[in-house]
Amino acid sequence: MKRNNYKFLLALACFGFLAACSEDEDATKERAVKPVVTAAQTSFSVVEGETVSVDLTVDTPYFRTMEFKVELVGGTGSFRDYAVDNGDETVVDDGMGAIGHKYVFPAFASTATIDITPLVDYFPEGTETLVLKITPMGNSNGLVANGSDIITITVGNTELNEVQSDLTWASTTNAHGNIVDIEYLGNDGAKHSLADVDFDLLIFGPANIFTGATGDHPELATIAGTRPNGYYDFYVDLYETPSGPTYGFKTRTNFFPVLTVSKPGVWVHSFDLRNIWSSADPGSASGAASDVWVGYVEKSGTTFTLFDTLDEELATGKAARKVMPKNVIRTK
């Protein structure tokens, strides 16, 4: 009798164990079901500077955030041709692979939007395409519905009636594709950003119009289309003393500034200014000791023409690099 009871109890225990396993399996299956986001629209046509809003809807709002990666996977454009306005650029050690943008779908939200803006390009170009892929990444709490993962943006060229210019000297692109600071070794034995060095971009024009000298990196300055006609001179200025930034230079540092001048969507030209300064050069805190005249723009109505210091025409309209006629004298 006892023996039979033992068998009965053993069978009951096995049944309970199997039932518990079945419950665990069901719970596992339930946990494996992830929310799925769907894009309302996957194809767009805009011009540079216009924002594309990719509206997403999730089938079941989730109590945690869902992380996705927005990555360029095709088309004729490049990674620097657009920005994900509400996403963070990925970096080499974040586990997200090739460069892209991390986008976070908020917790408990039923809808969200990825804002993508094709940037106004300096270069004149025809229509280009951006093919982007949305992939579950990071915490991988959500999925993307079939047919919603590929976003295609057709981008038309934009022309601006102004001249934009930027001066860079302290940034480079790393192997991952991120723009990072160039560093120097200070007298304190530590590395610091070359952005600590203060270059200024100055533009002087009719009626002593002045712009630039912000202390930022890069230095940006614009000649608006509403400015009066005339000549606008570009100067680049090293505003540092020989001791350099706060920490000084432990070793001699050569600078490699690049001034890019453009009528966006029409013409662009870059001045390579390397080897005209070093860390031993005097600054201009008390004068114009390090001012360098780079070139000038002539504005005539809506036409902007770029010249170098030898009066050689570098760009106008859609043309580039023509030589000024001999014996033409520039007057201001």
C-alpha atoms as a PDB file:
ATOM      1  CA  MET A   1       0.000   0.000   0.000  1.00  0.00           C
ATOM      2  CA  LYS A   2       2.774   2.370   0.922  1.00  0.00           C
ATOM      3  CA  ARG A   3       4.535   1.453  -2.266  1.00  0.00           C
ATOM      4  CA  ASN A   4       1.517   2.414  -4.357  1.00  0.00           C
ATOM      5  CA  ASN A   5       1.221   5.733  -2.518  1.00  0.00           C
ATOM      6  CA  TYR A   6       4.854   6.417  -3.286  1.00  0.00           C
ATOM      7  CA  LYS A   7       4.248   5.830  -6.976  1.00  0.00           C
ATOM      8  CA  PHE A   8       1.200   8.073  -6.868  1.00  0.00           C
ATOM      9  CA  LEU A   9       3.080  10.886  -5.188  1.00  0.00           C
ATOM     10  CA  LEU A  10       5.975  10.541  -7.623  1.00  0.00           C
ATOM     11  CA  ALA A  11       3.614  10.742 -10.615  1.00  0.00           C
ATOM     12  CA  LEU A  12       1.887  13.786  -9.121  1.00  0.00           C
ATOM     13  CA  ALA A  13       5.247  15.514  -8.611  1.00  0.00           C
ATOM     14  CA  CYS A  14       6.271  14.820 -12.200  1.00  0.00           C
ATOM     15  CA  PHE A  15       2.965  16.185 -13.434  1.00  0.00           C
ATOM     16  CA  GLY A  16       3.463  19.336 -11.371  1.00  0.00           C
ATOM     17  CA  PHE A  17       7.010  19.740 -12.734  1.00  0.00           C
ATOM     18  CA  LEU A  18       5.792  19.383 -16.315  1.00  0.00           C
ATOM     19  CA  ALA A  19       2.973  21.853 -15.681  1.00  0.00           C
ATOM     20  CA  ALA A  20       5.448  24.326 -14.242  1.00  0.00           C
ATOM     21  CA  CYS A  21       7.704  23.889 -17.297  1.00  0.00           C
ATOM     22  CA  SER A  22       4.708  24.474 -19.547  1.00  0.00           C
ATOM     23  CA  GLU A  23       3.860  27.689 -17.668  1.00  0.00           C
ATOM     24  CA  ASP A  24       7.495  28.870 -17.967  1.00  0.00           C
ATOM     25  CA  GLU A  25       7.444  28.108 -21.662  1.00  0.00           C
ATOM     26  CA  ASP A  26       4.239  30.116 -22.121  1.00  0.00           C
ATOM     27  CA  ALA A  27       5.728  33.002 -20.171  1.00  0.00           C
ATOM     28  CA  THR A  28       8.863  32.843 -22.308  1.00  0.00           C
ATOM     29  CA  LYS A  29       6.769  32.985 -25.456  1.00  0.00           C
ATOM     30  CA  GLU A  30       4.853  35.948 -24.065  1.00  0.00           C
ATOM     31  CA  ARG A  31       8.057  37.806 -23.245  1.00  0.00           C
ATOM     32  CA  ALA A  32       9.391  37.115 -26.757  1.00  0.00           C
ATOM     33  CA  VAL A  33       6.526  39.054 -28.382  1.00  0.00           C
ATOM     34  CA  LYS A  34       7.885  42.554 -28.984  1.00  0.00           C
ATOM     35  CA  PRO A  35       6.046  45.724 -29.982  1.00  0.00           C
ATOM     36  CA  VAL A  36       6.147  46.473 -33.699  1.00  0.00           C
ATOM     37  CA  VAL A  37       6.440  49.993 -35.137  1.00  0.00           C
ATOM     38  CA  THR A  38       5.050  50.913 -38.548  1.00  0.00           C
ATOM     39  CA  ALA A  39       5.934  53.949 -40.666  1.00  0.00           C
ATOM     40  CA  ALA A  40       2.989  55.864 -42.130  1.00  0.00           C
ATOM     41  CA  GLN A  41       5.093  56.855 -45.171  1.00  0.00           C
ATOM     42  CA  THR A  42       8.404  55.549 -46.484  1.00  0.00           C
ATOM     43  CA  SER A  43       9.031  57.627 -49.614  1.00  0.00           C
ATOM     44  CA  PHE A  44       9.567  61.383 -49.669  1.00  0.00           C
ATOM     45  CA  SER A  45      10.578  64.107 -52.120  1.00  0.00           C
ATOM     46  CA  VAL A  46      11.996  67.388 -50.753  1.00  0.00           C
ATOM     47  CA  VAL A  47      14.675  69.980 -51.426  1.00  0.00           C
ATOM     48  CA  GLU A  48      17.764  70.590 -49.290  1.00  0.00           C
ATOM     49  CA  GLY A  49      16.874  72.258 -46.027  1.00  0.00           C
ATOM     50  CA  GLU A  50      13.354  70.786 -45.796  1.00  0.00           C
ATOM     51  CA  THR A  51      12.609  68.338 -42.987  1.00  0.00           C
ATOM     52  CA  VAL A  52      11.169  64.876 -43.571  1.00  0.00           C
ATOM     53  CA  SER A  53       8.994  63.574 -40.726  1.00  0.00           C
ATOM     54  CA  VAL A  54       8.793  59.786 -40.569  1.00  0.00           C
ATOM     55  CA  ASP A  55       5.701  59.145 -38.429  1.00  0.00           C
ATOM     56  CA  LEU A  56       5.825  55.870 -36.518  1.00  0.00           C
ATOM     57  CA  THR A  57       2.987  53.998 -34.797  1.00  0.00           C
ATOM     58  CA  VAL A  58       3.478  51.074 -32.394  1.00  0.00           C
ATOM     59  CA  ASP A  59       0.933  48.252 -32.271  1.00  0.00           C
ATOM     60  CA  THR A  60       1.206  48.039 -28.464  1.00  0.00           C
ATOM     61  CA  PRO A  61       2.650  50.890 -26.363  1.00  0.00           C
ATOM     62  CA  TYR A  62       5.575  49.591 -24.334  1.00  0.00           C
ATOM     63  CA  PHE A  63       6.512  50.479 -20.772  1.00  0.00           C
ATOM     64  CA  ARG A  64      10.168  50.914 -21.725  1.00  0.00           C
ATOM     65  CA  THR A  65      11.925  52.942 -24.401  1.00  0.00           C
ATOM     66  CA  MET A  66      12.673  51.269 -27.724  1.00  0.00           C
ATOM     67  CA  GLU A  67      15.994  52.036 -29.404  1.00  0.00           C
ATOM     68  CA  PHE A  68      16.500  52.013 -33.155  1.00  0.00           C
ATOM     69  CA  LYS A  69      19.335  52.832 -35.518  1.00  0.00           C
ATOM     70  CA  VAL A  70      18.810  55.010 -38.595  1.00  0.00           C
ATOM     71  CA  GLU A  71      21.551  54.149 -41.092  1.00  0.00           C
ATOM     72  CA  LEU A  72      22.360  55.219 -44.646  1.00  0.00           C
ATOM     73  CA  VAL A  73      22.393  52.052 -46.758  1.00  0.00           C
ATOM     74  CA  GLY A  74      22.109  53.352 -50.321  1.00  0.00           C
ATOM     75  CA  GLY A  75      21.402  56.176 -52.716  1.00  0.00           C
ATOM     76  CA  THR A  76      23.707  58.808 -54.155  1.00  0.00           C
ATOM     77  CA  GLY A  77      24.038  60.975 -51.019  1.00  0.00           C
ATOM     78  CA  SER A  78      26.504  60.604 -48.156  1.00  0.00           C
ATOM     79  CA  PHE A  79      26.221  60.491 -44.376  1.00  0.00           C
ATOM     80  CA  ARG A  80      27.082  64.183 -44.003  1.00  0.00           C
ATOM     81  CA  ASP A  81      24.354  65.204 -46.460  1.00  0.00           C
ATOM     82  CA  TYR A  82      21.608  64.915 -43.844  1.00  0.00           C
ATOM     83  CA  ALA A  83      20.904  65.152 -40.124  1.00  0.00           C
ATOM     84  CA  VAL A  84      18.570  63.184 -37.874  1.00  0.00           C
ATOM     85  CA  ASP A  85      17.353  66.144 -35.867  1.00  0.00           C
ATOM     86  CA  ASN A  86      16.109  64.131 -32.885  1.00  0.00           C
ATOM     87  CA  GLY A  87      18.713  61.370 -32.991  1.00  0.00           C
ATOM     88  CA  ASP A  88      22.261  60.988 -31.671  1.00  0.00           C
ATOM     89  CA  GLU A  89      25.178  60.164 -33.948  1.00  0.00           C
ATOM     90  CA  THR A  90      26.577  56.734 -33.121  1.00  0.00           C
ATOM     91  CA  VAL A  91      30.186  56.322 -32.036  1.00  0.00           C
ATOM     92  CA  VAL A  92      32.787  53.615 -32.334  1.00  0.00           C
ATOM     93  CA  ASP A  93      32.239  51.896 -28.966  1.00  0.00           C
ATOM     94  CA  ASP A  94      28.455  52.000 -28.543  1.00  0.00           C
ATOM     95  CA  GLY A  95      27.845  48.568 -30.092  1.00  0.00           C
ATOM     96  CA  MET A  96      25.769  49.897 -32.991  1.00  0.00           C
ATOM     97  CA  GLY A  97      28.163  49.046 -35.786  1.00  0.00           C
ATOM     98  CA  ALA A  98      28.744  51.380 -38.730  1.00  0.00           C
ATOM     99  CA  ILE A  99      28.040  55.065 -38.251  1.00  0.00           C
ATOM    100  CA  GLY A 100      24.406  56.131 -38.133  1.00  0.00           C
ATOM    101  CA  HIS A 101      21.978  57.760 -35.710  1.00  0.00           C
ATOM    102  CA  LYS A 102      20.408  56.318 -32.578  1.00  0.00           C
ATOM    103  CA  TYR A 103      16.698  57.104 -32.240  1.00  0.00           C
ATOM    104  CA  VAL A 104      14.742  56.467 -29.032  1.00  0.00           C
ATOM    105  CA  PHE A 105      10.989  55.740 -29.187  1.00  0.00           C
ATOM    106  CA  PRO A 106       9.573  57.043 -25.861  1.00  0.00           C
ATOM    107  CA  ALA A 107       8.168  54.662 -23.244  1.00  0.00           C
ATOM    108  CA  PHE A 108       4.361  54.323 -23.126  1.00  0.00           C
ATOM    109  CA  ALA A 109       4.009  56.321 -26.375  1.00  0.00           C
ATOM    110  CA  SER A 110       1.748  55.084 -29.157  1.00  0.00           C
ATOM    111  CA  THR A 111       3.285  57.345 -31.828  1.00  0.00           C
ATOM    112  CA  ALA A 112       6.618  59.054 -32.441  1.00  0.00           C
ATOM    113  CA  THR A 113       8.405  60.829 -35.282  1.00  0.00           C
ATOM    114  CA  ILE A 114      11.922  60.631 -36.729  1.00  0.00           C
ATOM    115  CA  ASP A 115      12.852  64.024 -38.185  1.00  0.00           C
ATOM    116  CA  ILE A 116      15.421  63.898 -41.009  1.00  0.00           C
ATOM    117  CA  THR A 117      16.715  67.051 -42.702  1.00  0.00           C
ATOM    118  CA  PRO A 118      18.776  66.921 -45.922  1.00  0.00           C
ATOM    119  CA  LEU A 119      21.297  69.723 -45.447  1.00  0.00           C
ATOM    120  CA  VAL A 120      21.770  72.644 -47.794  1.00  0.00           C
ATOM    121  CA  ASP A 121      24.929  71.607 -49.585  1.00  0.00           C
ATOM    122  CA  TYR A 122      27.724  73.956 -50.580  1.00  0.00           C
ATOM    123  CA  PHE A 123      28.146  72.016 -53.795  1.00  0.00           C
ATOM    124  CA  PRO A 124      25.996  72.573 -56.888  1.00  0.00           C
ATOM    125  CA  GLU A 125      24.489  69.225 -57.766  1.00  0.00           C
ATOM    126  CA  GLY A 126      21.520  67.541 -59.318  1.00  0.00           C
ATOM    127  CA  THR A 127      18.828  65.531 -57.580  1.00  0.00           C
ATOM    128  CA  GLU A 128      20.205  62.907 -55.191  1.00  0.00           C
ATOM    129  CA  THR A 129      18.697  60.117 -53.125  1.00  0.00           C
ATOM    130  CA  LEU A 130      19.108  58.972 -49.537  1.00  0.00           C
ATOM    131  CA  VAL A 131      18.128  55.403 -48.713  1.00  0.00           C
ATOM    132  CA  LEU A 132      17.920  54.912 -44.953  1.00  0.00           C
ATOM    133  CA  LYS A 133      17.238  51.793 -42.913  1.00  0.00           C
ATOM    134  CA  ILE A 134      15.562  51.689 -39.491  1.00  0.00           C
ATOM    135  CA  THR A 135      16.852  48.746 -37.444  1.00  0.00           C
ATOM    136  CA  PRO A 136      16.134  47.600 -33.852  1.00  0.00           C
ATOM    137  CA  MET A 137      19.347  48.283 -31.957  1.00  0.00           C
ATOM    138  CA  GLY A 138      20.607  49.107 -28.470  1.00  0.00           C
ATOM    139  CA  ASN A 139      18.058  47.636 -26.049  1.00  0.00           C
ATOM    140  CA  SER A 140      16.220  46.038 -29.037  1.00  0.00           C
ATOM    141  CA  ASN A 141      12.894  46.290 -27.223  1.00  0.00           C
ATOM    142  CA  GLY A 142      10.936  46.868 -30.431  1.00  0.00           C
ATOM    143  CA  LEU A 143      10.677  45.596 -33.980  1.00  0.00           C
ATOM    144  CA  VAL A 144      10.038  47.314 -37.324  1.00  0.00           C
ATOM    145  CA  ALA A 145       7.218  46.107 -39.550  1.00  0.00           C
ATOM    146  CA  ASN A 146       8.066  44.659 -42.946  1.00  0.00           C
ATOM    147  CA  GLY A 147       8.056  47.417 -45.521  1.00  0.00           C
ATOM    148  CA  SER A 148       8.582  50.137 -42.915  1.00  0.00           C
ATOM    149  CA  ASP A 149      12.298  49.671 -42.390  1.00  0.00           C
ATOM    150  CA  ILE A 150      13.517  51.336 -45.632  1.00  0.00           C
ATOM    151  CA  ILE A 151      13.027  55.100 -46.024  1.00  0.00           C
ATOM    152  CA  THR A 152      13.795  56.678 -49.416  1.00  0.00           C
ATOM    153  CA  ILE A 153      14.260  60.441 -49.684  1.00  0.00           C
ATOM    154  CA  THR A 154      14.670  62.185 -53.049  1.00  0.00           C
ATOM    155  CA  VAL A 155      16.462  65.506 -52.546  1.00  0.00           C
ATOM    156  CA  GLY A 156      16.539  68.441 -54.944  1.00  0.00           C
ATOM    157  CA  ASN A 157      19.270  71.103 -55.001  1.00  0.00           C
ATOM    158  CA  THR A 158      18.751  74.385 -53.129  1.00  0.00           C
ATOM    159  CA  GLU A 159      20.376  77.674 -54.140  1.00  0.00           C
ATOM    160  CA  LEU A 160      20.754  80.493 -51.610  1.00  0.00           C
ATOM    161  CA  ASN A 161      21.140  84.176 -52.424  1.00  0.00           C
ATOM    162  CA  GLU A 162      24.007  84.710 -49.999  1.00  0.00           C
ATOM    163  CA  VAL A 163      27.627  83.747 -49.452  1.00  0.00           C
ATOM    164  CA  GLN A 164      28.424  81.432 -46.551  1.00  0.00           C
ATOM    165  CA  SER A 165      31.924  80.834 -45.238  1.00  0.00           C
ATOM    166  CA  ASP A 166      33.451  78.661 -42.554  1.00  0.00           C
ATOM    167  CA  LEU A 167      36.941  78.415 -41.097  1.00  0.00           C
ATOM    168  CA  THR A 168      38.062  75.129 -39.540  1.00  0.00           C
ATOM    169  CA  TRP A 169      41.386  74.259 -37.919  1.00  0.00           C
ATOM    170  CA  ALA A 170      40.657  71.934 -35.012  1.00  0.00           C
ATOM    171  CA  SER A 171      38.629  68.999 -36.315  1.00  0.00           C
ATOM    172  CA  THR A 172      39.197  65.824 -38.255  1.00  0.00           C
ATOM    173  CA  THR A 173      37.276  62.651 -39.110  1.00  0.00           C
ATOM    174  CA  ASN A 174      38.104  59.448 -37.241  1.00  0.00           C
ATOM    175  CA  ALA A 175      38.004  55.926 -38.680  1.00  0.00           C
ATOM    176  CA  HIS A 176      34.366  55.493 -37.624  1.00  0.00           C
ATOM    177  CA  GLY A 177      33.328  58.650 -39.485  1.00  0.00           C
ATOM    178  CA  ASN A 178      32.751  60.947 -36.507  1.00  0.00           C
ATOM    179  CA  ILE A 179      34.079  64.505 -36.601  1.00  0.00           C
ATOM    180  CA  VAL A 180      36.405  64.824 -33.609  1.00  0.00           C
ATOM    181  CA  ASP A 181      38.753  67.436 -32.190  1.00  0.00           C
ATOM    182  CA  ILE A 182      42.427  67.551 -33.150  1.00  0.00           C
ATOM    183  CA  GLU A 183      44.427  67.531 -29.927  1.00  0.00           C
ATOM    184  CA  TYR A 184      47.714  69.098 -28.853  1.00  0.00           C
ATOM    185  CA  LEU A 185      50.030  68.241 -25.978  1.00  0.00           C
ATOM    186  CA  GLY A 186      50.065  70.994 -23.390  1.00  0.00           C
ATOM    187  CA  ASN A 187      52.803  72.002 -20.958  1.00  0.00           C
ATOM    188  CA  ASP A 188      50.757  70.260 -18.270  1.00  0.00           C
ATOM    189  CA  GLY A 189      51.444  66.928 -20.013  1.00  0.00           C
ATOM    190  CA  ALA A 190      47.791  66.424 -20.965  1.00  0.00           C
ATOM    191  CA  LYS A 191      46.048  66.560 -24.342  1.00  0.00           C
ATOM    192  CA  HIS A 192      43.688  69.411 -25.176  1.00  0.00           C
ATOM    193  CA  SER A 193      41.578  70.428 -28.160  1.00  0.00           C
ATOM    194  CA  LEU A 194      43.058  72.753 -30.763  1.00  0.00           C
ATOM    195  CA  ALA A 195      39.692  74.528 -30.603  1.00  0.00           C
ATOM    196  CA  ASP A 196      41.221  76.227 -27.545  1.00  0.00           C
ATOM    197  CA  VAL A 197      43.237  78.252 -30.050  1.00  0.00           C
ATOM    198  CA  ASP A 198      41.227  81.263 -31.179  1.00  0.00           C
ATOM    199  CA  PHE A 199      41.177  81.878 -34.911  1.00  0.00           C
ATOM    200  CA  ASP A 200      38.839  84.570 -36.178  1.00  0.00           C
ATOM    201  CA  LEU A 201      37.186  84.961 -39.550  1.00  0.00           C
ATOM    202  CA  LEU A 202      36.636  88.608 -40.460  1.00  0.00           C
ATOM    203  CA  ILE A 203      34.744  90.124 -43.385  1.00  0.00           C
ATOM    204  CA  PHE A 204      35.017  93.822 -44.140  1.00  0.00           C
ATOM    205  CA  GLY A 205      32.820  95.445 -46.767  1.00  0.00           C
ATOM    206  CA  PRO A 206      31.084  98.648 -47.762  1.00  0.00           C
ATOM    207  CA  ALA A 207      30.507 101.076 -44.868  1.00  0.00           C
ATOM    208  CA  ASN A 208      32.961  99.023 -42.771  1.00  0.00           C
ATOM    209  CA  ILE A 209      30.539  96.133 -42.454  1.00  0.00           C
ATOM    210  CA  PHE A 210      32.078  93.595 -40.092  1.00  0.00           C
ATOM    211  CA  THR A 211      31.138  90.004 -39.259  1.00  0.00           C
ATOM    212  CA  GLY A 212      32.844  87.026 -37.627  1.00  0.00           C
ATOM    213  CA  ALA A 213      35.237  86.845 -34.640  1.00  0.00           C
ATOM    214  CA  THR A 214      32.940  84.719 -32.478  1.00  0.00           C
ATOM    215  CA  GLY A 215      35.532  82.632 -30.630  1.00  0.00           C
ATOM    216  CA  ASP A 216      33.770  79.491 -31.870  1.00  0.00           C
ATOM    217  CA  HIS A 217      35.000  76.528 -33.870  1.00  0.00           C
ATOM    218  CA  PRO A 218      34.267  76.439 -36.697  1.00  0.00           C
ATOM    219  CA  GLU A 219      34.117  80.170 -37.368  1.00  0.00           C
ATOM    220  CA  LEU A 220      31.115  81.056 -39.535  1.00  0.00           C
ATOM    221  CA  ALA A 221      30.333  84.283 -41.408  1.00  0.00           C
ATOM    222  CA  THR A 222      27.750  85.205 -44.030  1.00  0.00           C
ATOM    223  CA  ILE A 223      27.362  87.910 -46.670  1.00  0.00           C
ATOM    224  CA  ALA A 224      23.591  88.266 -46.908  1.00  0.00           C
ATOM    225  CA  GLY A 225      21.847  88.971 -50.184  1.00  0.00           C
ATOM    226  CA  THR A 226      20.491  92.167 -48.621  1.00  0.00           C
ATOM    227  CA  ARG A 227      23.988  93.619 -48.164  1.00  0.00           C
ATOM    228  CA  PRO A 228      24.934  96.539 -50.440  1.00  0.00           C
ATOM    229  CA  ASN A 229      26.856  95.937 -53.647  1.00  0.00           C
ATOM    230  CA  GLY A 230      30.622  96.169 -53.483  1.00  0.00           C
ATOM    231  CA  TYR A 231      33.734  94.306 -52.365  1.00  0.00           C
ATOM    232  CA  TYR A 232      33.916  92.106 -49.259  1.00  0.00           C
ATOM    233  CA  ASP A 233      37.398  91.214 -47.994  1.00  0.00           C
ATOM    234  CA  PHE A 234      38.083  87.984 -46.101  1.00  0.00           C
ATOM    235  CA  TYR A 235      40.704  88.019 -43.358  1.00  0.00           C
ATOM    236  CA  VAL A 236      41.762  85.148 -41.134  1.00  0.00           C
ATOM    237  CA  ASP A 237      43.215  86.148 -37.797  1.00  0.00           C
ATOM    238  CA  LEU A 238      45.196  84.199 -35.183  1.00  0.00           C
ATOM    239  CA  TYR A 239      44.132  85.780 -31.922  1.00  0.00           C
ATOM    240  CA  GLU A 240      46.598  83.927 -29.678  1.00  0.00           C
ATOM    241  CA  THR A 241      49.870  84.969 -28.082  1.00  0.00           C
ATOM    242  CA  PRO A 242      52.945  82.725 -28.530  1.00  0.00           C
ATOM    243  CA  SER A 243      52.069  80.959 -25.254  1.00  0.00           C
ATOM    244  CA  GLY A 244      48.935  79.692 -26.949  1.00  0.00           C
ATOM    245  CA  PRO A 245      45.940  78.441 -24.958  1.00  0.00           C
ATOM    246  CA  THR A 246      45.722  78.163 -21.181  1.00  0.00           C
ATOM    247  CA  TYR A 247      48.087  75.210 -20.973  1.00  0.00           C
ATOM    248  CA  GLY A 248      50.613  76.329 -23.590  1.00  0.00           C
ATOM    249  CA  PHE A 249      52.230  74.009 -26.127  1.00  0.00           C
ATOM    250  CA  LYS A 250      54.672  71.400 -24.923  1.00  0.00           C
ATOM    251  CA  THR A 251      55.738  70.797 -28.512  1.00  0.00           C
ATOM    252  CA  ARG A 252      55.569  73.087 -31.531  1.00  0.00           C
ATOM    253  CA  THR A 253      52.160  72.883 -33.162  1.00  0.00           C
ATOM    254  CA  ASN A 254      51.496  73.658 -36.804  1.00  0.00           C
ATOM    255  CA  PHE A 255      48.007  74.760 -37.770  1.00  0.00           C
ATOM    256  CA  PHE A 256      46.123  73.668 -40.882  1.00  0.00           C
ATOM    257  CA  PRO A 257      43.201  76.081 -41.272  1.00  0.00           C
ATOM    258  CA  VAL A 258      40.844  75.674 -44.209  1.00  0.00           C
ATOM    259  CA  LEU A 259      38.540  78.504 -45.270  1.00  0.00           C
ATOM    260  CA  THR A 260      35.568  77.384 -47.355  1.00  0.00           C
ATOM    261  CA  VAL A 261      33.568  80.062 -49.176  1.00  0.00           C
ATOM    262  CA  SER A 262      30.360  79.224 -51.033  1.00  0.00           C
ATOM    263  CA  LYS A 263      27.220  80.505 -52.603  1.00  0.00           C
ATOM    264  CA  PRO A 264      25.318  77.355 -51.544  1.00  0.00           C
ATOM    265  CA  GLY A 265      24.025  75.311 -54.437  1.00  0.00           C
ATOM    266  CA  VAL A 266      25.892  77.461 -56.977  1.00  0.00           C
ATOM    267  CA  TRP A 267      29.662  77.442 -56.305  1.00  0.00           C
ATOM    268  CA  VAL A 268      32.173  76.568 -53.615  1.00  0.00           C
ATOM    269  CA  HIS A 269      35.913  77.078 -53.110  1.00  0.00           C
ATOM    270  CA  SER A 270      38.290  76.098 -50.294  1.00  0.00           C
ATOM    271  CA  PHE A 271      41.462  77.971 -49.363  1.00  0.00           C
ATOM    272  CA  ASP A 272      44.122  75.690 -47.875  1.00  0.00           C
ATOM    273  CA  LEU A 273      45.926  77.911 -45.340  1.00  0.00           C
ATOM    274  CA  ARG A 274      48.424  75.420 -43.963  1.00  0.00           C
ATOM    275  CA  ASN A 275      51.956  76.448 -43.034  1.00  0.00           C
ATOM    276  CA  ILE A 276      51.174  80.148 -42.694  1.00  0.00           C
ATOM    277  CA  TRP A 277      51.048  79.956 -38.880  1.00  0.00           C
ATOM    278  CA  SER A 278      52.739  78.018 -36.129  1.00  0.00           C
ATOM    279  CA  SER A 279      52.476  78.061 -32.357  1.00  0.00           C
ATOM    280  CA  ALA A 280      55.441  80.443 -32.240  1.00  0.00           C
ATOM    281  CA  ASP A 281      53.738  83.170 -34.296  1.00  0.00           C
ATOM    282  CA  PRO A 282      52.601  86.323 -32.517  1.00  0.00           C
ATOM    283  CA  GLY A 283      48.910  86.845 -31.883  1.00  0.00           C
ATOM    284  CA  SER A 284      46.885  89.911 -32.662  1.00  0.00           C
ATOM    285  CA  ALA A 285      45.322  90.690 -29.294  1.00  0.00           C
ATOM    286  CA  SER A 286      46.822  94.159 -29.499  1.00  0.00           C
ATOM    287  CA  GLY A 287      46.840  94.633 -33.244  1.00  0.00           C
ATOM    288  CA  ALA A 288      46.816  92.994 -36.676  1.00  0.00           C
ATOM    289  CA  ALA A 289      50.096  91.094 -36.358  1.00  0.00           C
ATOM    290  CA  SER A 290      48.631  87.838 -37.634  1.00  0.00           C
ATOM    291  CA  ASP A 291      45.895  89.062 -39.961  1.00  0.00           C
ATOM    292  CA  VAL A 292      46.033  87.278 -43.313  1.00  0.00           C
ATOM    293  CA  TRP A 293      44.097  88.583 -46.318  1.00  0.00           C
ATOM    294  CA  VAL A 294      42.735  85.511 -48.104  1.00  0.00           C
ATOM    295  CA  GLY A 295      40.598  86.912 -50.910  1.00  0.00           C
ATOM    296  CA  TYR A 296      37.422  88.834 -51.593  1.00  0.00           C
ATOM    297  CA  VAL A 297      33.902  88.599 -52.987  1.00  0.00           C
ATOM    298  CA  GLU A 298      32.375  91.120 -55.342  1.00  0.00           C
ATOM    299  CA  LYS A 299      28.610  91.459 -54.917  1.00  0.00           C
ATOM    300  CA  SER A 300      26.584  92.833 -57.814  1.00  0.00           C
ATOM    301  CA  GLY A 301      22.885  92.355 -57.257  1.00  0.00           C
ATOM    302  CA  THR A 302      22.333  88.642 -56.812  1.00  0.00           C
ATOM    303  CA  THR A 303      25.668  87.716 -58.396  1.00  0.00           C
ATOM    304  CA  PHE A 304      28.557  86.943 -56.071  1.00  0.00           C
ATOM    305  CA  THR A 305      32.035  86.449 -57.555  1.00  0.00           C
ATOM    306  CA  LEU A 306      35.007  85.117 -55.595  1.00  0.00           C
ATOM    307  CA  PHE A 307      38.602  86.295 -56.204  1.00  0.00           C
ATOM    308  CA  ASP A 308      41.939  85.478 -54.636  1.00  0.00           C
ATOM    309  CA  THR A 309      44.496  88.085 -53.558  1.00  0.00           C
ATOM    310  CA  LEU A 310      45.946  88.172 -57.081  1.00  0.00           C
ATOM    311  CA  ASP A 311      42.562  89.194 -58.522  1.00  0.00           C
ATOM    312  CA  GLU A 312      42.148  85.776 -60.111  1.00  0.00           C
ATOM    313  CA  GLU A 313      38.501  84.846 -60.418  1.00  0.00           C
ATOM    314  CA  LEU A 314      37.839  81.586 -58.611  1.00  0.00           C
ATOM    315  CA  ALA A 315      34.099  81.171 -58.895  1.00  0.00           C
ATOM    316  CA  THR A 316      30.980  82.930 -60.140  1.00  0.00           C
ATOM    317  CA  GLY A 317      27.624  81.524 -61.130  1.00  0.00           C
ATOM    318  CA  LYS A 318      28.383  77.960 -62.130  1.00  0.00           C
ATOM    319  CA  ALA A 319      31.844  78.777 -63.499  1.00  0.00           C
ATOM    320  CA  ALA A 320      35.143  78.275 -61.719  1.00  0.00           C
ATOM    321  CA  ARG A 321      38.703  79.468 -61.973  1.00  0.00           C
ATOM    322  CA  LYS A 322      38.915  81.997 -64.791  1.00  0.00           C
ATOM    323  CA  VAL A 323      41.732  84.536 -65.018  1.00  0.00           C
ATOM    324  CA  MET A 324      40.926  88.218 -64.765  1.00  0.00           C
ATOM    325  CA  PRO A 325      41.815  90.301 -67.857  1.00  0.00           C
ATOM    326  CA  LYS A 326      45.218  91.960 -67.614  1.00  0.00           C
ATOM    327  CA  ASN A 327      45.541  95.557 -66.422  1.00  0.00           C
ATOM    328  CA  VAL A 328      42.181  95.462 -64.637  1.00  0.00           C
ATOM    329  CA  ILE A 329      42.572  97.435 -61.414  1.00  0.00           C
ATOM    330  CA  ARG A 330      40.418  96.646 -58.436  1.00  0.00           C
ATOM    331  CA  THR A 331      39.046  99.703 -56.630  1.00  0.00           C
ATOM    332  CA  LYS A 332      37.006  99.933 -53.470  1.00  0.00           C
END
